[in-house]
Amino acid sequence: MYDSGRENDEVAFTAALDPLFDACESPADLYAGGVKYPYVYGLTDGLYLDAMTLKIYCSGYEATPACTDMDSFKP
């Protein structure tokens, strides 16, 4: 039976993101990191990063300071 390893990919992706969200103290920090390292969000340039993308990535991390008050954050 074919196994894409998707579960392993999701575990690895989450493990990579946890330190990012733990290190950020605000949505502004999360945004600044995304502009500097856009590939974290699957982007080729930080100019493409917007609040909606950050909100999507904050799913599951809403309790972290990086995602607190995300609804009022304006890049």
C-alpha atoms as a PDB file:
ATOM      1  CA  MET A   1       0.000   0.000   0.000  1.00  0.00           C
ATOM      2  CA  TYR A   2       1.266   3.483  -0.899  1.00  0.00           C
ATOM      3  CA  ASP A   3       2.203   5.712   2.036  1.00  0.00           C
ATOM      4  CA  SER A   4       2.962   9.303   1.158  1.00  0.00           C
ATOM      5  CA  GLY A   5       4.479   9.925   4.567  1.00  0.00           C
ATOM      6  CA  ARG A   6       2.148  12.876   4.971  1.00  0.00           C
ATOM      7  CA  GLU A   7       1.883  12.386   8.720  1.00  0.00           C
ATOM      8  CA  ASN A   8       5.668  12.546   8.988  1.00  0.00           C
ATOM      9  CA  ASP A   9       5.732  15.708   6.869  1.00  0.00           C
ATOM     10  CA  GLU A  10       3.148  17.374   9.111  1.00  0.00           C
ATOM     11  CA  VAL A  11       5.069  16.434  12.252  1.00  0.00           C
ATOM     12  CA  ALA A  12       8.300  17.807  10.779  1.00  0.00           C
ATOM     13  CA  PHE A  13       6.573  21.009   9.628  1.00  0.00           C
ATOM     14  CA  THR A  14       5.035  21.583  13.061  1.00  0.00           C
ATOM     15  CA  ALA A  15       8.364  20.895  14.765  1.00  0.00           C
ATOM     16  CA  ALA A  16       9.989  23.501  12.531  1.00  0.00           C
ATOM     17  CA  LEU A  17       7.320  26.118  13.228  1.00  0.00           C
ATOM     18  CA  ASP A  18       7.102  25.704  17.011  1.00  0.00           C
ATOM     19  CA  PRO A  19      10.398  27.527  17.727  1.00  0.00           C
ATOM     20  CA  LEU A  20       9.406  30.307  15.342  1.00  0.00           C
ATOM     21  CA  PHE A  21       6.152  31.015  17.149  1.00  0.00           C
ATOM     22  CA  ASP A  22       7.797  30.618  20.556  1.00  0.00           C
ATOM     23  CA  ALA A  23      10.492  33.189  19.689  1.00  0.00           C
ATOM     24  CA  CYS A  24       8.101  35.888  18.480  1.00  0.00           C
ATOM     25  CA  GLU A  25       6.669  38.300  21.010  1.00  0.00           C
ATOM     26  CA  SER A  26       4.029  39.849  18.756  1.00  0.00           C
ATOM     27  CA  PRO A  27       2.450  39.653  15.313  1.00  0.00           C
ATOM     28  CA  ALA A  28       4.931  42.351  14.260  1.00  0.00           C
ATOM     29  CA  ASP A  29       7.808  39.992  15.121  1.00  0.00           C
ATOM     30  CA  LEU A  30       6.165  37.188  13.161  1.00  0.00           C
ATOM     31  CA  TYR A  31       5.710  39.504  10.181  1.00  0.00           C
ATOM     32  CA  ALA A  32       9.293  40.813  10.345  1.00  0.00           C
ATOM     33  CA  GLY A  33      10.606  37.248  10.382  1.00  0.00           C
ATOM     34  CA  GLY A  34       8.450  36.391   7.379  1.00  0.00           C
ATOM     35  CA  VAL A  35       9.714  39.386   5.431  1.00  0.00           C
ATOM     36  CA  LYS A  36      13.306  38.435   6.218  1.00  0.00           C
ATOM     37  CA  TYR A  37      12.786  34.692   5.602  1.00  0.00           C
ATOM     38  CA  PRO A  38       9.788  34.400   3.242  1.00  0.00           C
ATOM     39  CA  TYR A  39      10.505  30.765   2.371  1.00  0.00           C
ATOM     40  CA  VAL A  40       9.195  29.817   5.835  1.00  0.00           C
ATOM     41  CA  TYR A  41       5.759  30.736   4.499  1.00  0.00           C
ATOM     42  CA  GLY A  42       6.341  29.207   1.093  1.00  0.00           C
ATOM     43  CA  LEU A  43       6.913  32.604  -0.511  1.00  0.00           C
ATOM     44  CA  THR A  44       9.692  33.712  -2.808  1.00  0.00           C
ATOM     45  CA  ASP A  45       9.738  37.296  -1.542  1.00  0.00           C
ATOM     46  CA  GLY A  46       8.698  38.981   1.699  1.00  0.00           C
ATOM     47  CA  LEU A  47       6.733  41.530  -0.324  1.00  0.00           C
ATOM     48  CA  TYR A  48       4.060  38.884  -0.811  1.00  0.00           C
ATOM     49  CA  LEU A  49       3.485  38.391   2.919  1.00  0.00           C
ATOM     50  CA  ASP A  50       0.202  39.787   4.179  1.00  0.00           C
ATOM     51  CA  ALA A  51      -1.937  39.614   7.304  1.00  0.00           C
ATOM     52  CA  MET A  52      -4.152  36.869   5.832  1.00  0.00           C
ATOM     53  CA  THR A  53      -1.149  34.584   5.300  1.00  0.00           C
ATOM     54  CA  LEU A  54      -0.047  35.143   8.894  1.00  0.00           C
ATOM     55  CA  LYS A  55      -3.571  34.390  10.157  1.00  0.00           C
ATOM     56  CA  ILE A  56      -3.538  31.108   8.263  1.00  0.00           C
ATOM     57  CA  TYR A  57      -0.195  30.122   9.788  1.00  0.00           C
ATOM     58  CA  CYS A  58      -1.429  31.131  13.258  1.00  0.00           C
ATOM     59  CA  SER A  59      -4.006  28.367  13.161  1.00  0.00           C
ATOM     60  CA  GLY A  60      -3.200  26.242  16.184  1.00  0.00           C
ATOM     61  CA  TYR A  61      -0.905  28.926  17.610  1.00  0.00           C
ATOM     62  CA  GLU A  62      -3.554  31.453  18.637  1.00  0.00           C
ATOM     63  CA  ALA A  63      -2.456  31.333  22.289  1.00  0.00           C
ATOM     64  CA  THR A  64       1.131  32.363  21.483  1.00  0.00           C
ATOM     65  CA  PRO A  65       2.220  36.000  21.724  1.00  0.00           C
ATOM     66  CA  ALA A  66       3.095  35.819  18.011  1.00  0.00           C
ATOM     67  CA  CYS A  67      -0.588  35.442  17.154  1.00  0.00           C
ATOM     68  CA  THR A  68      -2.245  37.478  19.897  1.00  0.00           C
ATOM     69  CA  ASP A  69      -4.408  40.299  18.500  1.00  0.00           C
ATOM     70  CA  MET A  70      -3.775  39.089  14.963  1.00  0.00           C
ATOM     71  CA  ASP A  71      -7.183  40.451  13.909  1.00  0.00           C
ATOM     72  CA  SER A  72      -6.052  44.007  14.592  1.00  0.00           C
ATOM     73  CA  PHE A  73      -2.542  43.606  13.130  1.00  0.00           C
ATOM     74  CA  LYS A  74      -1.754  45.643  10.027  1.00  0.00           C
ATOM     75  CA  PRO A  75       1.558  44.992   8.237  1.00  0.00           C
END
